[in-house]
Each structure stands twice: as C-alpha cells, then as structure tokens.
Amino acid sequence: MLKRLKRALVESYIGAIALGWLLADDIMQFANIFATPIQEWAARHEYSNLIAKAPAPAASGLPLEFAEPAVIRFLLILAIWYGLVRWLYFDSPSKQASESVELE
C-alpha cells in the first residue's frame, strides 16, 4: 500500500507540491524565530509607555524565550520535510545495490 501511495505522490506531482508547501512553511517558521522576540520587545516597550505609573520590566533586552516555540516548530517541520523527501525521491542504499547486481 505504501508503494502505491509513493508512486501516486511522485507521478502526480502532488508530493512535490506538498513538499514545496512544507518547505515554504518551514521558511516562514525560520523567519518567525527572529521576528517574534522583536515583536514582543516592541509590544512591551509600547505597553510600558502607555502605563507610565508601573515600573518598567527588569529585562529590557530582547525576550528570546518567545522564540523557543518557533525554533521547535521549525525543527519539526524540517525533520518531516526531510523524511518525506528521502522517502519519495531517494532509494535506500540496499535497494540500489541489489538493482546494480541484477543489471550485471
């Protein structure tokens, strides 16, 4: 069943389209790794200006802990993308060796 699914995904270009979509989403997650801390810093800075009576937060730098979920999503999507590329478009070394033996 998996061989039929693999053949259908490769021959109909659905697999290539899905892999392209996953890669585009992964690139967006990579951009969010850098954009999220800047966004949070700007929001905190703007909020502290609106409420002048409250003391400013102790950490005035970029809050890098907000980038952690984006890093995890980036790595998971990249691992899924890599696994699908290997499964769809690259044969295993043992299969390649057996095919070369059959050809000789």
N, C-alpha and C. Protein backbone atom coordinates (compact mmCIF):
# COMPACT_ATOMS: atom_id res chain seq x y z
N MET A 1 0.81 -1.19 0.00
CA MET A 1 0.00 0.00 0.00
C MET A 1 0.86 1.27 0.00
N LEU A 2 1.96 1.24 0.78
CA LEU A 2 2.83 2.41 0.81
C LEU A 2 3.53 2.62 -0.53
N LYS A 3 3.84 1.54 -1.23
CA LYS A 3 4.47 1.68 -2.54
C LYS A 3 3.52 2.34 -3.53
N ARG A 4 2.24 1.98 -3.46
CA ARG A 4 1.24 2.59 -4.34
C ARG A 4 1.07 4.07 -4.01
N LEU A 5 1.06 4.39 -2.72
CA LEU A 5 0.94 5.79 -2.30
C LEU A 5 2.15 6.59 -2.75
N LYS A 6 3.34 6.01 -2.58
CA LYS A 6 4.57 6.69 -3.00
C LYS A 6 4.56 6.94 -4.50
N ARG A 7 4.18 5.92 -5.28
CA ARG A 7 4.14 6.08 -6.73
C ARG A 7 3.12 7.14 -7.14
N ALA A 8 1.97 7.16 -6.50
CA ALA A 8 0.95 8.16 -6.82
C ALA A 8 1.42 9.57 -6.48
N LEU A 9 2.09 9.73 -5.35
CA LEU A 9 2.57 11.06 -4.96
C LEU A 9 3.66 11.57 -5.89
N VAL A 10 4.55 10.69 -6.32
CA VAL A 10 5.65 11.10 -7.19
C VAL A 10 5.16 11.35 -8.62
N GLU A 11 4.33 10.47 -9.13
CA GLU A 11 3.90 10.59 -10.53
C GLU A 11 2.90 11.71 -10.77
N SER A 12 2.11 12.06 -9.78
CA SER A 12 1.08 13.08 -9.99
C SER A 12 1.53 14.48 -9.54
N TYR A 13 2.73 14.63 -9.09
CA TYR A 13 3.30 15.88 -8.61
C TYR A 13 2.63 16.41 -7.35
N ILE A 14 1.72 15.66 -6.76
CA ILE A 14 1.12 16.07 -5.50
C ILE A 14 2.19 16.09 -4.41
N GLY A 15 3.08 15.12 -4.44
CA GLY A 15 4.16 15.07 -3.45
C GLY A 15 5.08 16.27 -3.56
N ALA A 16 5.41 16.68 -4.78
CA ALA A 16 6.28 17.84 -4.96
C ALA A 16 5.60 19.12 -4.49
N ILE A 17 4.33 19.23 -4.76
CA ILE A 17 3.58 20.42 -4.31
C ILE A 17 3.50 20.45 -2.79
N ALA A 18 3.22 19.31 -2.18
CA ALA A 18 3.14 19.24 -0.72
C ALA A 18 4.50 19.53 -0.08
N LEU A 19 5.57 19.01 -0.68
CA LEU A 19 6.90 19.28 -0.15
C LEU A 19 7.26 20.76 -0.29
N GLY A 20 6.87 21.37 -1.39
CA GLY A 20 7.11 22.80 -1.56
C GLY A 20 6.35 23.62 -0.54
N TRP A 21 5.12 23.22 -0.26
CA TRP A 21 4.33 23.92 0.74
C TRP A 21 4.96 23.77 2.13
N LEU A 22 5.40 22.55 2.46
CA LEU A 22 6.07 22.34 3.75
C LEU A 22 7.35 23.15 3.87
N LEU A 23 8.12 23.21 2.79
CA LEU A 23 9.36 23.98 2.82
C LEU A 23 9.06 25.48 2.98
N ALA A 24 8.03 25.97 2.29
CA ALA A 24 7.66 27.38 2.44
C ALA A 24 7.21 27.67 3.87
N ASP A 25 6.46 26.77 4.47
CA ASP A 25 6.03 26.95 5.85
C ASP A 25 7.23 26.91 6.79
N ASP A 26 8.20 26.07 6.48
CA ASP A 26 9.40 25.99 7.31
C ASP A 26 10.22 27.27 7.22
N ILE A 27 10.28 27.85 6.04
CA ILE A 27 10.99 29.13 5.88
C ILE A 27 10.29 30.23 6.68
N MET A 28 8.96 30.21 6.69
CA MET A 28 8.23 31.19 7.49
C MET A 28 8.49 30.99 8.98
N GLN A 29 8.56 29.74 9.42
CA GLN A 29 8.87 29.48 10.82
C GLN A 29 10.28 29.96 11.17
N PHE A 30 11.21 29.80 10.24
CA PHE A 30 12.57 30.29 10.46
C PHE A 30 12.57 31.81 10.61
N ALA A 31 11.79 32.50 9.78
CA ALA A 31 11.70 33.96 9.90
C ALA A 31 11.05 34.35 11.23
N ASN A 32 10.09 33.55 11.70
CA ASN A 32 9.44 33.85 12.97
C ASN A 32 10.36 33.69 14.16
N ILE A 33 11.41 32.89 14.01
CA ILE A 33 12.38 32.76 15.10
C ILE A 33 12.97 34.11 15.44
N PHE A 34 13.20 34.92 14.42
CA PHE A 34 13.81 36.25 14.64
C PHE A 34 12.76 37.34 14.83
N ALA A 35 11.59 37.18 14.22
CA ALA A 35 10.57 38.22 14.28
C ALA A 35 9.83 38.24 15.61
N THR A 36 9.60 37.08 16.21
CA THR A 36 8.80 37.02 17.44
C THR A 36 9.44 37.77 18.60
N PRO A 37 10.74 37.60 18.90
CA PRO A 37 11.31 38.38 20.00
C PRO A 37 11.27 39.88 19.75
N ILE A 38 11.47 40.29 18.52
CA ILE A 38 11.41 41.72 18.21
C ILE A 38 9.98 42.24 18.39
N GLN A 39 9.01 41.46 17.96
CA GLN A 39 7.61 41.84 18.12
C GLN A 39 7.25 41.95 19.61
N GLU A 40 7.67 40.99 20.40
CA GLU A 40 7.37 41.04 21.84
C GLU A 40 8.08 42.20 22.52
N TRP A 41 9.31 42.47 22.12
CA TRP A 41 10.02 43.61 22.69
C TRP A 41 9.30 44.91 22.35
N ALA A 42 8.87 45.06 21.11
CA ALA A 42 8.16 46.27 20.71
C ALA A 42 6.84 46.41 21.46
N ALA A 43 6.13 45.30 21.64
CA ALA A 43 4.86 45.34 22.36
C ALA A 43 5.08 45.73 23.82
N ARG A 44 6.10 45.16 24.45
CA ARG A 44 6.39 45.52 25.85
C ARG A 44 6.83 46.98 25.96
N HIS A 45 7.62 47.42 25.01
CA HIS A 45 8.08 48.81 25.03
C HIS A 45 6.90 49.77 24.89
N GLU A 46 6.00 49.46 23.96
CA GLU A 46 4.82 50.30 23.75
C GLU A 46 3.90 50.26 24.97
N TYR A 47 3.73 49.08 25.56
CA TYR A 47 2.87 48.94 26.73
C TYR A 47 3.44 49.70 27.91
N SER A 48 4.76 49.66 28.10
CA SER A 48 5.36 50.39 29.23
C SER A 48 5.24 51.90 29.04
N ASN A 49 5.20 52.36 27.79
CA ASN A 49 4.97 53.78 27.56
C ASN A 49 3.54 54.18 27.85
N LEU A 50 2.59 53.28 27.64
CA LEU A 50 1.19 53.58 27.91
C LEU A 50 0.91 53.63 29.41
N ILE A 51 1.57 52.79 30.16
CA ILE A 51 1.37 52.76 31.61
C ILE A 51 2.65 53.28 32.26
N ALA A 52 2.71 54.58 32.42
CA ALA A 52 3.92 55.21 32.96
C ALA A 52 4.04 55.04 34.47
N LYS A 53 2.93 54.77 35.16
CA LYS A 53 2.95 54.63 36.61
C LYS A 53 3.61 53.33 37.05
N ALA A 54 3.45 52.29 36.29
CA ALA A 54 4.01 50.99 36.66
C ALA A 54 5.50 50.99 36.38
N PRO A 55 6.27 50.28 37.19
CA PRO A 55 7.71 50.20 36.92
C PRO A 55 7.97 49.41 35.64
N ALA A 56 9.04 49.78 34.98
CA ALA A 56 9.41 49.10 33.74
C ALA A 56 9.86 47.68 34.04
N PRO A 57 9.65 46.75 33.10
CA PRO A 57 10.12 45.38 33.33
C PRO A 57 11.64 45.34 33.51
N ALA A 58 12.09 44.38 34.29
CA ALA A 58 13.52 44.29 34.61
C ALA A 58 14.35 43.99 33.37
N ALA A 59 13.87 43.11 32.52
CA ALA A 59 14.62 42.74 31.32
C ALA A 59 14.28 43.71 30.20
N SER A 60 15.25 44.51 29.80
CA SER A 60 14.99 45.49 28.75
C SER A 60 15.44 44.99 27.38
N GLY A 61 16.12 43.85 27.33
CA GLY A 61 16.60 43.31 26.07
C GLY A 61 15.52 42.52 25.34
N LEU A 62 15.94 41.84 24.32
CA LEU A 62 15.00 41.02 23.55
C LEU A 62 14.61 39.79 24.35
N PRO A 63 13.31 39.51 24.47
CA PRO A 63 12.87 38.31 25.18
C PRO A 63 13.00 37.07 24.29
N LEU A 64 14.14 36.41 24.36
CA LEU A 64 14.43 35.29 23.47
C LEU A 64 13.61 34.05 23.78
N GLU A 65 13.00 33.99 24.97
CA GLU A 65 12.19 32.81 25.29
C GLU A 65 10.95 32.72 24.40
N PHE A 66 10.55 33.82 23.78
CA PHE A 66 9.40 33.79 22.87
C PHE A 66 9.76 33.13 21.54
N ALA A 67 11.03 32.97 21.26
CA ALA A 67 11.45 32.32 20.01
C ALA A 67 11.50 30.80 20.12
N GLU A 68 11.45 30.27 21.34
CA GLU A 68 11.56 28.82 21.52
C GLU A 68 10.48 28.03 20.80
N PRO A 69 9.19 28.40 20.87
CA PRO A 69 8.19 27.62 20.12
C PRO A 69 8.44 27.65 18.61
N ALA A 70 8.90 28.77 18.08
CA ALA A 70 9.18 28.85 16.64
C ALA A 70 10.37 27.97 16.26
N VAL A 71 11.36 27.87 17.13
CA VAL A 71 12.51 27.01 16.87
C VAL A 71 12.07 25.54 16.84
N ILE A 72 11.22 25.16 17.79
CA ILE A 72 10.74 23.78 17.85
C ILE A 72 9.90 23.46 16.62
N ARG A 73 8.98 24.37 16.23
CA ARG A 73 8.17 24.15 15.03
C ARG A 73 9.05 24.06 13.80
N PHE A 74 10.07 24.92 13.69
CA PHE A 74 10.99 24.90 12.56
C PHE A 74 11.69 23.56 12.44
N LEU A 75 12.22 23.06 13.55
CA LEU A 75 12.95 21.79 13.52
C LEU A 75 12.04 20.61 13.22
N LEU A 76 10.83 20.61 13.77
CA LEU A 76 9.90 19.52 13.49
C LEU A 76 9.46 19.50 12.03
N ILE A 77 9.13 20.65 11.48
CA ILE A 77 8.71 20.70 10.08
C ILE A 77 9.88 20.33 9.17
N LEU A 78 11.08 20.77 9.51
CA LEU A 78 12.26 20.42 8.71
C LEU A 78 12.51 18.91 8.74
N ALA A 79 12.35 18.28 9.90
CA ALA A 79 12.54 16.84 10.00
C ALA A 79 11.48 16.09 9.19
N ILE A 80 10.23 16.54 9.25
CA ILE A 80 9.16 15.91 8.47
C ILE A 80 9.44 16.08 6.98
N TRP A 81 9.84 17.28 6.58
CA TRP A 81 10.13 17.54 5.17
C TRP A 81 11.28 16.65 4.68
N TYR A 82 12.33 16.56 5.46
CA TYR A 82 13.48 15.74 5.08
C TYR A 82 13.09 14.27 4.97
N GLY A 83 12.31 13.79 5.93
CA GLY A 83 11.87 12.41 5.88
C GLY A 83 11.03 12.12 4.64
N LEU A 84 10.14 13.03 4.30
CA LEU A 84 9.31 12.83 3.10
C LEU A 84 10.13 12.89 1.82
N VAL A 85 11.10 13.79 1.75
CA VAL A 85 11.97 13.87 0.56
C VAL A 85 12.75 12.57 0.40
N ARG A 86 13.31 12.07 1.49
CA ARG A 86 14.06 10.80 1.42
C ARG A 86 13.15 9.66 1.00
N TRP A 87 11.95 9.61 1.54
CA TRP A 87 11.05 8.51 1.23
C TRP A 87 10.55 8.57 -0.21
N LEU A 88 10.24 9.77 -0.68
CA LEU A 88 9.65 9.89 -2.02
C LEU A 88 10.68 9.85 -3.15
N TYR A 89 11.82 10.46 -2.96
CA TYR A 89 12.70 10.68 -4.10
C TYR A 89 14.06 9.99 -4.04
N PHE A 90 14.42 9.38 -2.93
CA PHE A 90 15.70 8.69 -2.84
C PHE A 90 15.49 7.25 -2.45
N ASP A 91 16.14 6.35 -3.16
CA ASP A 91 16.05 4.93 -2.84
C ASP A 91 17.03 4.60 -1.72
N SER A 92 16.74 3.52 -1.00
CA SER A 92 17.64 3.10 0.05
C SER A 92 18.90 2.51 -0.57
N PRO A 93 20.05 2.59 0.11
CA PRO A 93 21.30 2.06 -0.46
C PRO A 93 21.23 0.55 -0.73
N SER A 94 20.53 -0.22 0.09
CA SER A 94 20.44 -1.66 -0.14
C SER A 94 19.65 -1.96 -1.41
N LYS A 95 18.63 -1.16 -1.69
CA LYS A 95 17.84 -1.35 -2.91
C LYS A 95 18.67 -1.00 -4.14
N GLN A 96 19.47 0.06 -4.05
CA GLN A 96 20.33 0.45 -5.17
C GLN A 96 21.38 -0.63 -5.44
N ALA A 97 21.94 -1.22 -4.38
CA ALA A 97 22.95 -2.25 -4.54
C ALA A 97 22.35 -3.50 -5.19
N SER A 98 21.16 -3.88 -4.77
CA SER A 98 20.53 -5.06 -5.36
C SER A 98 20.16 -4.84 -6.82
N GLU A 99 19.77 -3.62 -7.19
CA GLU A 99 19.44 -3.32 -8.59
C GLU A 99 20.71 -3.34 -9.44
N SER A 100 21.84 -2.88 -8.91
CA SER A 100 23.07 -2.89 -9.68
C SER A 100 23.57 -4.32 -9.89
N VAL A 101 23.36 -5.20 -8.91
CA VAL A 101 23.75 -6.59 -9.04
C VAL A 101 22.89 -7.27 -10.10
N GLU A 102 21.60 -6.94 -10.16
CA GLU A 102 20.70 -7.55 -11.12
C GLU A 102 21.05 -7.11 -12.55
N LEU A 103 21.54 -5.88 -12.70
CA LEU A 103 21.87 -5.38 -14.03
C LEU A 103 23.14 -6.03 -14.59
N GLU A 104 24.05 -6.47 -13.73
CA GLU A 104 25.31 -7.06 -14.20
C GLU A 104 25.12 -8.44 -14.60
